[in-house]
């Protein structure tokens, strides 16, 4: 009887750990979802700048973002764009390009 209880406890603990790991993975890779057309354009420009590893192009995107107050980008989308710019400025061009590409890919409807 005690062996069965241990096996049950081990199974429950293992199942719980597996559930937490899968949930964490899904949460971390949840994507951006649908974004505004203006944000999509920013993601395209950012992706291009990141592929070129061009500080000049990144500066242009950042300047356009600053001037885009009239576009009324949703605040969460503006924050996402700013985070990608910050990531690229830190020198992590590959991760920044990956995030910009993910933003564009999330707009494709299957």
Protein backbone atom coordinates (compact mmCIF):
# COMPACT_ATOMS: atom_id res chain seq x y z
CA UNK A 1 0.00 0.00 0.00
CA UNK A 2 2.80 2.41 0.89
CA UNK A 3 4.54 1.76 -2.44
CA UNK A 4 1.33 2.62 -4.30
CA UNK A 5 1.02 5.89 -2.36
CA UNK A 6 4.60 6.81 -3.23
CA UNK A 7 4.01 6.04 -6.88
CA UNK A 8 0.84 8.12 -6.86
CA UNK A 9 2.65 11.01 -5.18
CA UNK A 10 5.53 10.82 -7.66
CA UNK A 11 3.07 10.73 -10.56
CA UNK A 12 1.17 13.76 -9.23
CA UNK A 13 4.39 15.73 -8.65
CA UNK A 14 5.76 14.83 -12.08
CA UNK A 15 2.44 15.75 -13.75
CA UNK A 16 2.36 19.08 -11.92
CA UNK A 17 5.93 19.91 -12.92
CA UNK A 18 5.18 19.00 -16.52
CA UNK A 19 2.08 21.19 -16.50
CA UNK A 20 4.06 24.15 -15.13
CA UNK A 21 6.80 23.70 -17.74
CA UNK A 22 4.36 23.46 -20.65
CA UNK A 23 2.37 26.43 -19.36
CA UNK A 24 5.54 28.49 -18.96
CA UNK A 25 6.68 27.62 -22.45
CA UNK A 26 3.32 28.57 -23.96
CA UNK A 27 3.20 31.81 -21.98
CA UNK A 28 6.72 32.79 -23.02
CA UNK A 29 5.98 32.12 -26.71
CA UNK A 30 2.53 33.60 -26.92
CA UNK A 31 3.32 36.17 -29.63
CA UNK A 32 1.85 39.58 -30.25
CA UNK A 33 -1.53 38.86 -31.75
CA UNK A 34 -3.19 41.26 -34.16
CA UNK A 35 -1.65 44.74 -34.26
CA UNK A 36 -2.63 47.99 -35.95
CA UNK A 37 -1.55 48.65 -39.56
CA UNK A 38 0.84 51.38 -38.37
CA UNK A 39 2.49 49.01 -35.90
CA UNK A 40 2.83 46.45 -38.67
CA UNK A 41 4.69 49.04 -40.77
CA UNK A 42 6.99 49.76 -37.83
CA UNK A 43 7.70 46.05 -37.41
CA UNK A 44 8.64 45.79 -41.11
CA UNK A 45 10.99 48.76 -40.83
CA UNK A 46 12.50 47.38 -37.63
CA UNK A 47 13.01 43.96 -39.17
CA UNK A 48 14.82 45.52 -42.11
CA UNK A 49 17.01 47.67 -39.85
CA UNK A 50 17.89 44.65 -37.71
CA UNK A 51 18.79 42.47 -40.68
CA UNK A 52 21.10 45.23 -41.91
CA UNK A 53 22.41 45.82 -38.36
CA UNK A 54 22.00 49.47 -39.23
CA UNK A 55 22.05 52.03 -36.43
CA UNK A 56 21.12 54.63 -39.04
CA UNK A 57 17.94 52.82 -40.01
CA UNK A 58 17.18 52.14 -36.38
CA UNK A 59 17.50 55.87 -35.66
CA UNK A 60 15.03 56.59 -38.47
CA UNK A 61 12.50 54.12 -37.06
CA UNK A 62 12.96 55.59 -33.58
CA UNK A 63 12.50 59.12 -34.93
CA UNK A 64 9.34 58.10 -36.80
CA UNK A 65 8.03 56.49 -33.64
CA UNK A 66 8.63 59.71 -31.71
CA UNK A 67 6.80 61.65 -34.41
CA UNK A 68 3.96 59.14 -34.50
CA UNK A 69 2.01 60.57 -31.59
CA UNK A 70 -0.56 61.62 -34.17
CA UNK A 71 -0.90 58.00 -35.31
CA UNK A 72 -2.23 57.12 -31.89
CA UNK A 73 -0.57 53.72 -31.72
CA UNK A 74 -2.04 51.62 -28.95
CA UNK A 75 0.20 52.00 -25.90
CA UNK A 76 0.99 48.28 -25.66
CA UNK A 77 2.09 48.20 -29.30
CA UNK A 78 4.26 51.30 -28.83
CA UNK A 79 5.90 49.59 -25.85
CA UNK A 80 6.58 46.45 -27.91
CA UNK A 81 8.22 48.51 -30.67
CA UNK A 82 10.28 50.46 -28.12
CA UNK A 83 11.46 47.21 -26.51
CA UNK A 84 12.57 45.84 -29.87
CA UNK A 85 14.45 49.08 -30.59
CA UNK A 86 16.11 48.88 -27.17
CA UNK A 87 17.10 45.27 -27.81
CA UNK A 88 18.67 46.20 -31.14
CA UNK A 89 20.50 49.17 -29.59
CA UNK A 90 21.99 46.80 -27.01
CA UNK A 91 23.59 44.93 -29.92
CA UNK A 92 21.28 41.92 -29.91
CA UNK A 93 20.27 42.38 -33.54
CA UNK A 94 19.32 38.73 -33.99
CA UNK A 95 16.79 38.69 -31.12
CA UNK A 96 15.39 42.06 -32.17
CA UNK A 97 14.93 40.84 -35.76
CA UNK A 98 13.29 37.68 -34.46
CA UNK A 99 10.78 39.69 -32.39
CA UNK A 100 10.00 42.05 -35.28
CA UNK A 101 9.51 39.07 -37.59
CA UNK A 102 7.25 37.40 -35.03
CA UNK A 103 5.12 40.53 -34.88
CA UNK A 104 4.69 40.40 -38.66
CA UNK A 105 4.04 36.66 -38.71
CA UNK A 106 1.33 37.01 -36.08
CA UNK A 107 -0.67 39.05 -38.60
CA UNK A 108 -1.00 36.13 -41.00
CA UNK A 109 -4.40 34.48 -40.75
CA UNK A 110 -4.44 30.77 -41.48
